């Protein structure tokens, strides 16, 4: 797989079924820590299942619903197959 973007983008910019590699978590320390507890860490692969303010993501085989853009941002490099 290769990156199709030189600059990371917020995960909410991924279209449905697109994948991204997490490169940074930005925001309030408590919120970033919580994302890490949920398994969202730098280096993990995320697939956008259903975009929106509250989106559905697949992370390491698990589906997760998140409200994005409130206190933390997940930055990804979009991936192509």
PDB file of N, CA and C in Angstrom:
ATOM      1  N   UNK A   1       0.836  -1.179   0.000  1.00  0.00           N
ATOM      2  CA  UNK A   1       0.000   0.000   0.000  1.00  0.00           C
ATOM      3  C   UNK A   1       0.876   1.236   0.000  1.00  0.00           C
ATOM      4  N   UNK A   2       0.354   2.297  -0.582  1.00  0.00           N
ATOM      5  CA  UNK A   2       1.124   3.522  -0.616  1.00  0.00           C
ATOM      6  C   UNK A   2       0.230   4.698  -0.273  1.00  0.00           C
ATOM      7  N   UNK A   3       0.836   5.751   0.171  1.00  0.00           N
ATOM      8  CA  UNK A   3       0.096   6.950   0.518  1.00  0.00           C
ATOM      9  C   UNK A   3      -0.222   7.719  -0.751  1.00  0.00           C
ATOM     10  N   UNK A   4      -1.453   8.260  -0.844  1.00  0.00           N
ATOM     11  CA  UNK A   4      -1.787   9.067  -2.003  1.00  0.00           C
ATOM     12  C   UNK A   4      -1.821  10.544  -1.637  1.00  0.00           C
ATOM     13  N   UNK A   5      -1.297  10.882  -0.482  1.00  0.00           N
ATOM     14  CA  UNK A   5      -1.285  12.265  -0.037  1.00  0.00           C
ATOM     15  C   UNK A   5      -0.006  12.512   0.752  1.00  0.00           C
ATOM     16  N   UNK A   6       0.620  13.650   0.488  1.00  0.00           N
ATOM     17  CA  UNK A   6       1.840  13.984   1.225  1.00  0.00           C
ATOM     18  C   UNK A   6       1.525  14.530   2.603  1.00  0.00           C
ATOM     19  N   UNK A   7       0.390  15.199   2.739  1.00  0.00           N
ATOM     20  CA  UNK A   7       0.014  15.806   4.015  1.00  0.00           C
ATOM     21  C   UNK A   7      -1.111  15.015   4.661  1.00  0.00           C
ATOM     22  N   UNK A   8      -1.027  14.832   5.981  1.00  0.00           N
ATOM     23  CA  UNK A   8      -2.114  14.122   6.657  1.00  0.00           C
ATOM     24  C   UNK A   8      -3.404  14.943   6.622  1.00  0.00           C
ATOM     25  N   UNK A   9      -4.530  14.243   6.675  1.00  0.00           N
ATOM     26  CA  UNK A   9      -5.846  14.883   6.679  1.00  0.00           C
ATOM     27  C   UNK A   9      -6.635  14.359   7.875  1.00  0.00           C
ATOM     28  N   UNK A  10      -7.609  15.129   8.358  1.00  0.00           N
ATOM     29  CA  UNK A  10      -8.482  14.604   9.413  1.00  0.00           C
ATOM     30  C   UNK A  10      -9.235  13.376   8.910  1.00  0.00           C
ATOM     31  N   UNK A  11      -9.414  12.397   9.768  1.00  0.00           N
ATOM     32  CA  UNK A  11     -10.052  11.137   9.380  1.00  0.00           C
ATOM     33  C   UNK A  11     -11.446  11.369   8.794  1.00  0.00           C
ATOM     34  N   UNK A  12     -12.133  12.416   9.209  1.00  0.00           N
ATOM     35  CA  UNK A  12     -13.491  12.662   8.703  1.00  0.00           C
ATOM     36  C   UNK A  12     -13.492  13.024   7.212  1.00  0.00           C
ATOM     37  N   UNK A  13     -12.321  13.322   6.639  1.00  0.00           N
ATOM     38  CA  UNK A  13     -12.233  13.614   5.204  1.00  0.00           C
ATOM     39  C   UNK A  13     -12.165  12.351   4.354  1.00  0.00           C
ATOM     40  N   UNK A  14     -12.003  11.186   4.996  1.00  0.00           N
ATOM     41  CA  UNK A  14     -11.972   9.937   4.239  1.00  0.00           C
ATOM     42  C   UNK A  14     -13.369   9.629   3.700  1.00  0.00           C
ATOM     43  N   UNK A  15     -13.462   9.237   2.424  1.00  0.00           N
ATOM     44  CA  UNK A  15     -14.765   8.835   1.887  1.00  0.00           C
ATOM     45  C   UNK A  15     -15.140   7.443   2.403  1.00  0.00           C
ATOM     46  N   UNK A  16     -16.392   7.035   2.215  1.00  0.00           N
ATOM     47  CA  UNK A  16     -16.810   5.698   2.671  1.00  0.00           C
ATOM     48  C   UNK A  16     -15.920   4.601   2.085  1.00  0.00           C
ATOM     49  N   UNK A  17     -15.565   3.650   2.929  1.00  0.00           N
ATOM     50  CA  UNK A  17     -14.743   2.486   2.601  1.00  0.00           C
ATOM     51  C   UNK A  17     -13.267   2.795   2.356  1.00  0.00           C
ATOM     52  N   UNK A  18     -12.848   4.044   2.477  1.00  0.00           N
ATOM     53  CA  UNK A  18     -11.432   4.399   2.314  1.00  0.00           C
ATOM     54  C   UNK A  18     -10.680   4.095   3.603  1.00  0.00           C
ATOM     55  N   UNK A  19      -9.379   3.812   3.450  1.00  0.00           N
ATOM     56  CA  UNK A  19      -8.532   3.521   4.597  1.00  0.00           C
ATOM     57  C   UNK A  19      -7.485   4.604   4.774  1.00  0.00           C
ATOM     58  N   UNK A  20      -7.053   4.771   6.011  1.00  0.00           N
ATOM     59  CA  UNK A  20      -5.991   5.716   6.327  1.00  0.00           C
ATOM     60  C   UNK A  20      -5.109   5.169   7.431  1.00  0.00           C
ATOM     61  N   UNK A  21      -3.871   5.608   7.433  1.00  0.00           N
ATOM     62  CA  UNK A  21      -2.906   5.238   8.465  1.00  0.00           C
ATOM     63  C   UNK A  21      -2.804   6.404   9.442  1.00  0.00           C
ATOM     64  N   UNK A  22      -3.073   6.150  10.722  1.00  0.00           N
ATOM     65  CA  UNK A  22      -3.038   7.214  11.728  1.00  0.00           C
ATOM     66  C   UNK A  22      -1.601   7.697  11.893  1.00  0.00           C
ATOM     67  N   UNK A  23      -1.404   9.022  11.734  1.00  0.00           N
ATOM     68  CA  UNK A  23      -0.068   9.601  11.876  1.00  0.00           C
ATOM     69  C   UNK A  23       0.023  10.565  13.057  1.00  0.00           C
ATOM     70  N   UNK A  24      -1.129  11.027  13.576  1.00  0.00           N
ATOM     71  CA  UNK A  24      -1.089  11.949  14.714  1.00  0.00           C
ATOM     72  C   UNK A  24      -2.455  12.021  15.374  1.00  0.00           C
ATOM     73  N   UNK A  25      -2.453  12.223  16.673  1.00  0.00           N
ATOM     74  CA  UNK A  25      -3.658  12.503  17.458  1.00  0.00           C
ATOM     75  C   UNK A  25      -3.443  13.864  18.098  1.00  0.00           C
ATOM     76  N   UNK A  26      -4.340  14.797  17.833  1.00  0.00           N
ATOM     77  CA  UNK A  26      -4.191  16.164  18.339  1.00  0.00           C
ATOM     78  C   UNK A  26      -5.404  16.525  19.183  1.00  0.00           C
ATOM     79  N   UNK A  27      -5.161  17.295  20.229  1.00  0.00           N
ATOM     80  CA  UNK A  27      -6.278  17.768  21.034  1.00  0.00           C
ATOM     81  C   UNK A  27      -5.977  17.755  22.507  1.00  0.00           C
ATOM     82  N   UNK A  28      -7.056  17.809  23.287  1.00  0.00           N
ATOM     83  CA  UNK A  28      -6.922  17.800  24.740  1.00  0.00           C
ATOM     84  C   UNK A  28      -6.306  16.478  25.183  1.00  0.00           C
ATOM     85  N   UNK A  29      -5.393  16.558  26.130  1.00  0.00           N
ATOM     86  CA  UNK A  29      -4.650  15.380  26.584  1.00  0.00           C
ATOM     87  C   UNK A  29      -5.568  14.232  27.004  1.00  0.00           C
ATOM     88  N   UNK A  30      -6.631  14.530  27.742  1.00  0.00           N
ATOM     89  CA  UNK A  30      -7.552  13.487  28.207  1.00  0.00           C
ATOM     90  C   UNK A  30      -8.242  12.799  27.036  1.00  0.00           C
ATOM     91  N   UNK A  31      -8.614  13.579  26.014  1.00  0.00           N
ATOM     92  CA  UNK A  31      -9.295  13.009  24.850  1.00  0.00           C
ATOM     93  C   UNK A  31      -8.346  12.147  24.014  1.00  0.00           C
ATOM     94  N   UNK A  32      -7.112  12.617  23.842  1.00  0.00           N
ATOM     95  CA  UNK A  32      -6.113  11.838  23.105  1.00  0.00           C
ATOM     96  C   UNK A  32      -5.852  10.522  23.839  1.00  0.00           C
ATOM     97  N   UNK A  33      -5.728  10.579  25.153  1.00  0.00           N
ATOM     98  CA  UNK A  33      -5.511   9.378  25.962  1.00  0.00           C
ATOM     99  C   UNK A  33      -6.681   8.404  25.787  1.00  0.00           C
ATOM    100  N   UNK A  34      -7.889   8.918  25.760  1.00  0.00           N
ATOM    101  CA  UNK A  34      -9.075   8.069  25.597  1.00  0.00           C
ATOM    102  C   UNK A  34      -9.074   7.386  24.226  1.00  0.00           C
ATOM    103  N   UNK A  35      -8.708   8.125  23.174  1.00  0.00           N
ATOM    104  CA  UNK A  35      -8.611   7.520  21.846  1.00  0.00           C
ATOM    105  C   UNK A  35      -7.590   6.388  21.847  1.00  0.00           C
ATOM    106  N   UNK A  36      -6.468   6.616  22.518  1.00  0.00           N
ATOM    107  CA  UNK A  36      -5.432   5.576  22.608  1.00  0.00           C
ATOM    108  C   UNK A  36      -5.953   4.361  23.366  1.00  0.00           C
ATOM    109  N   UNK A  37      -6.741   4.576  24.426  1.00  0.00           N
ATOM    110  CA  UNK A  37      -7.344   3.465  25.166  1.00  0.00           C
ATOM    111  C   UNK A  37      -8.270   2.638  24.278  1.00  0.00           C
ATOM    112  N   UNK A  38      -8.923   3.314  23.332  1.00  0.00           N
ATOM    113  CA  UNK A  38      -9.837   2.633  22.416  1.00  0.00           C
ATOM    114  C   UNK A  38      -9.105   1.910  21.286  1.00  0.00           C
ATOM    115  N   UNK A  39      -7.777   2.072  21.223  1.00  0.00           N
ATOM    116  CA  UNK A  39      -6.994   1.389  20.203  1.00  0.00           C
ATOM    117  C   UNK A  39      -6.605   2.258  19.028  1.00  0.00           C
ATOM    118  N   UNK A  40      -6.958   3.542  19.087  1.00  0.00           N
ATOM    119  CA  UNK A  40      -6.593   4.461  18.006  1.00  0.00           C
ATOM    120  C   UNK A  40      -5.263   5.093  18.371  1.00  0.00           C
ATOM    121  N   UNK A  41      -4.210   4.610  17.691  1.00  0.00           N
ATOM    122  CA  UNK A  41      -2.845   5.059  17.982  1.00  0.00           C
ATOM    123  C   UNK A  41      -2.122   5.324  16.674  1.00  0.00           C
ATOM    124  N   UNK A  42      -1.056   6.074  16.753  1.00  0.00           N
ATOM    125  CA  UNK A  42      -0.223   6.301  15.573  1.00  0.00           C
ATOM    126  C   UNK A  42       0.237   4.950  15.031  1.00  0.00           C
ATOM    127  N   UNK A  43       0.122   4.794  13.730  1.00  0.00           N
ATOM    128  CA  UNK A  43       0.533   3.560  13.079  1.00  0.00           C
ATOM    129  C   UNK A  43      -0.591   2.586  12.816  1.00  0.00           C
ATOM    130  N   UNK A  44      -1.765   2.775  13.437  1.00  0.00           N
ATOM    131  CA  UNK A  44      -2.858   1.844  13.178  1.00  0.00           C
ATOM    132  C   UNK A  44      -3.617   2.261  11.914  1.00  0.00           C
ATOM    133  N   UNK A  45      -4.268   1.269  11.304  1.00  0.00           N
ATOM    134  CA  UNK A  45      -5.029   1.514  10.082  1.00  0.00           C
ATOM    135  C   UNK A  45      -6.502   1.657  10.431  1.00  0.00           C
ATOM    136  N   UNK A  46      -7.140   2.671   9.845  1.00  0.00           N
ATOM    137  CA  UNK A  46      -8.557   2.961  10.074  1.00  0.00           C
ATOM    138  C   UNK A  46      -9.277   2.894   8.730  1.00  0.00           C
ATOM    139  N   UNK A  47     -10.485   2.323   8.732  1.00  0.00           N
ATOM    140  CA  UNK A  47     -11.330   2.336   7.536  1.00  0.00           C
ATOM    141  C   UNK A  47     -12.611   3.081   7.864  1.00  0.00           C
ATOM    142  N   UNK A  48     -12.951   4.068   7.043  1.00  0.00           N
ATOM    143  CA  UNK A  48     -14.177   4.842   7.221  1.00  0.00           C
ATOM    144  C   UNK A  48     -15.335   4.019   6.668  1.00  0.00           C
ATOM    145  N   UNK A  49     -16.277   3.657   7.519  1.00  0.00           N
ATOM    146  CA  UNK A  49     -17.440   2.898   7.076  1.00  0.00           C
ATOM    147  C   UNK A  49     -18.593   3.825   6.721  1.00  0.00           C
ATOM    148  N   UNK A  50     -18.845   4.794   7.586  1.00  0.00           N
ATOM    149  CA  UNK A  50     -19.941   5.727   7.354  1.00  0.00           C
ATOM    150  C   UNK A  50     -19.520   7.104   7.876  1.00  0.00           C
ATOM    151  N   UNK A  51     -19.221   8.051   6.967  1.00  0.00           N
ATOM    152  CA  UNK A  51     -18.773   9.374   7.417  1.00  0.00           C
ATOM    153  C   UNK A  51     -19.921  10.206   7.983  1.00  0.00           C
ATOM    154  N   UNK A  52     -19.561  11.250   8.658  1.00  0.00           N
ATOM    155  CA  UNK A  52     -20.529  12.180   9.231  1.00  0.00           C
ATOM    156  C   UNK A  52     -19.995  12.749  10.526  1.00  0.00           C
ATOM    157  N   UNK A  53     -20.771  13.636  11.149  1.00  0.00           N
ATOM    158  CA  UNK A  53     -20.340  14.208  12.434  1.00  0.00           C
ATOM    159  C   UNK A  53     -20.111  13.096  13.447  1.00  0.00           C
ATOM    160  N   UNK A  54     -21.022  12.136  13.465  1.00  0.00           N
ATOM    161  CA  UNK A  54     -20.817  10.902  14.221  1.00  0.00           C
ATOM    162  C   UNK A  54     -20.592   9.831  13.168  1.00  0.00           C
ATOM    163  N   UNK A  55     -19.377   9.309  13.106  1.00  0.00           N
ATOM    164  CA  UNK A  55     -19.021   8.391  12.026  1.00  0.00           C
ATOM    165  C   UNK A  55     -18.829   6.981  12.562  1.00  0.00           C
ATOM    166  N   UNK A  56     -18.839   6.031  11.626  1.00  0.00           N
ATOM    167  CA  UNK A  56     -18.590   4.642  11.953  1.00  0.00           C
ATOM    168  C   UNK A  56     -17.262   4.260  11.324  1.00  0.00           C
ATOM    169  N   UNK A  57     -16.322   3.791  12.166  1.00  0.00           N
ATOM    170  CA  UNK A  57     -14.973   3.418  11.729  1.00  0.00           C
ATOM    171  C   UNK A  57     -14.718   1.953  12.018  1.00  0.00           C
ATOM    172  N   UNK A  58     -13.849   1.348  11.221  1.00  0.00           N
ATOM    173  CA  UNK A  58     -13.342   0.008  11.512  1.00  0.00           C
ATOM    174  C   UNK A  58     -11.879   0.162  11.886  1.00  0.00           C
ATOM    175  N   UNK A  59     -11.528  -0.333  13.069  1.00  0.00           N
ATOM    176  CA  UNK A  59     -10.163  -0.230  13.589  1.00  0.00           C
ATOM    177  C   UNK A  59      -9.754  -1.616  14.064  1.00  0.00           C
ATOM    178  N   UNK A  60      -8.751  -2.175  13.394  1.00  0.00           N
ATOM    179  CA  UNK A  60      -8.246  -3.500  13.751  1.00  0.00           C
ATOM    180  C   UNK A  60      -9.373  -4.518  13.889  1.00  0.00           C
ATOM    181  N   UNK A  61     -10.283  -4.531  12.919  1.00  0.00           N
ATOM    182  CA  UNK A  61     -11.367  -5.507  12.897  1.00  0.00           C
ATOM    183  C   UNK A  61     -12.554  -5.194  13.781  1.00  0.00           C
ATOM    184  N   UNK A  62     -12.503  -4.091  14.508  1.00  0.00           N
ATOM    185  CA  UNK A  62     -13.610  -3.711  15.381  1.00  0.00           C
ATOM    186  C   UNK A  62     -14.300  -2.486  14.814  1.00  0.00           C
ATOM    187  N   UNK A  63     -15.633  -2.457  14.892  1.00  0.00           N
ATOM    188  CA  UNK A  63     -16.385  -1.281  14.461  1.00  0.00           C
ATOM    189  C   UNK A  63     -16.578  -0.361  15.649  1.00  0.00           C
ATOM    190  N   UNK A  64     -16.429   0.940  15.393  1.00  0.00           N
ATOM    191  CA  UNK A  64     -16.523   1.920  16.455  1.00  0.00           C
ATOM    192  C   UNK A  64     -17.231   3.172  15.936  1.00  0.00           C
ATOM    193  N   UNK A  65     -18.142   3.686  16.707  1.00  0.00           N
ATOM    194  CA  UNK A  65     -18.843   4.922  16.374  1.00  0.00           C
ATOM    195  C   UNK A  65     -18.222   6.051  17.194  1.00  0.00           C
ATOM    196  N   UNK A  66     -17.795   7.122  16.510  1.00  0.00           N
ATOM    197  CA  UNK A  66     -17.160   8.251  17.185  1.00  0.00           C
ATOM    198  C   UNK A  66     -17.758   9.566  16.737  1.00  0.00           C
ATOM    199  N   UNK A  67     -17.851  10.506  17.659  1.00  0.00           N
ATOM    200  CA  UNK A  67     -18.196  11.880  17.305  1.00  0.00           C
ATOM    201  C   UNK A  67     -16.872  12.610  17.123  1.00  0.00           C
ATOM    202  N   UNK A  68     -16.627  13.049  15.893  1.00  0.00           N
ATOM    203  CA  UNK A  68     -15.337  13.644  15.554  1.00  0.00           C
ATOM    204  C   UNK A  68     -15.340  15.157  15.709  1.00  0.00           C
ATOM    205  N   UNK A  69     -14.142  15.710  15.906  1.00  0.00           N
ATOM    206  CA  UNK A  69     -13.961  17.149  15.903  1.00  0.00           C
ATOM    207  C   UNK A  69     -14.402  17.881  17.156  1.00  0.00           C
ATOM    208  N   UNK A  70     -14.683  17.168  18.241  1.00  0.00           N
ATOM    209  CA  UNK A  70     -15.117  17.864  19.449  1.00  0.00           C
ATOM    210  C   UNK A  70     -13.919  18.323  20.273  1.00  0.00           C
ATOM    211  N   UNK A  71     -13.078  17.406  20.705  1.00  0.00           N
ATOM    212  CA  UNK A  71     -11.936  17.763  21.548  1.00  0.00           C
ATOM    213  C   UNK A  71     -10.616  17.196  21.048  1.00  0.00           C
ATOM    214  N   UNK A  72     -10.676  16.352  20.024  1.00  0.00           N
ATOM    215  CA  UNK A  72      -9.452  15.734  19.513  1.00  0.00           C
ATOM    216  C   UNK A  72      -9.615  15.475  18.021  1.00  0.00           C
ATOM    217  N   UNK A  73      -8.502  15.491  17.306  1.00  0.00           N
ATOM    218  CA  UNK A  73      -8.492  15.200  15.875  1.00  0.00           C
ATOM    219  C   UNK A  73      -7.612  13.981  15.625  1.00  0.00           C
ATOM    220  N   UNK A  74      -8.062  13.140  14.711  1.00  0.00           N
ATOM    221  CA  UNK A  74      -7.298  11.985  14.262  1.00  0.00           C
ATOM    222  C   UNK A  74      -6.797  12.330  12.858  1.00  0.00           C
ATOM    223  N   UNK A  75      -5.479  12.434  12.706  1.00  0.00           N
ATOM    224  CA  UNK A  75      -4.913  12.755  11.397  1.00  0.00           C
ATOM    225  C   UNK A  75      -4.388  11.483  10.755  1.00  0.00           C
ATOM    226  N   UNK A  76      -4.707  11.305   9.469  1.00  0.00           N
ATOM    227  CA  UNK A  76      -4.342  10.087   8.746  1.00  0.00           C
ATOM    228  C   UNK A  76      -3.705  10.416   7.407  1.00  0.00           C
ATOM    229  N   UNK A  77      -2.899   9.486   6.915  1.00  0.00           N
ATOM    230  CA  UNK A  77      -2.455   9.489   5.525  1.00  0.00           C
ATOM    231  C   UNK A  77      -3.413   8.554   4.800  1.00  0.00           C
ATOM    232  N   UNK A  78      -4.196   9.050   3.825  1.00  0.00           N
ATOM    233  CA  UNK A  78      -5.075   8.157   3.059  1.00  0.00           C
ATOM    234  C   UNK A  78      -4.239   7.086   2.351  1.00  0.00           C
ATOM    235  N   UNK A  79      -4.779   5.868   2.303  1.00  0.00           N
ATOM    236  CA  UNK A  79      -4.086   4.739   1.678  1.00  0.00           C
ATOM    237  C   UNK A  79      -4.838   4.301   0.426  1.00  0.00           C
ATOM    238  N   UNK A  80      -4.069   3.770  -0.513  1.00  0.00           N
ATOM    239  CA  UNK A  80      -4.656   3.140  -1.695  1.00  0.00           C
ATOM    240  C   UNK A  80      -4.164   1.709  -1.730  1.00  0.00           C
ATOM    241  N   UNK A  81      -4.920   0.845  -2.392  1.00  0.00           N
ATOM    242  CA  UNK A  81      -4.485  -0.549  -2.454  1.00  0.00           C
ATOM    243  C   UNK A  81      -3.686  -0.838  -3.695  1.00  0.00           C
TER     244      UNK A  81
END
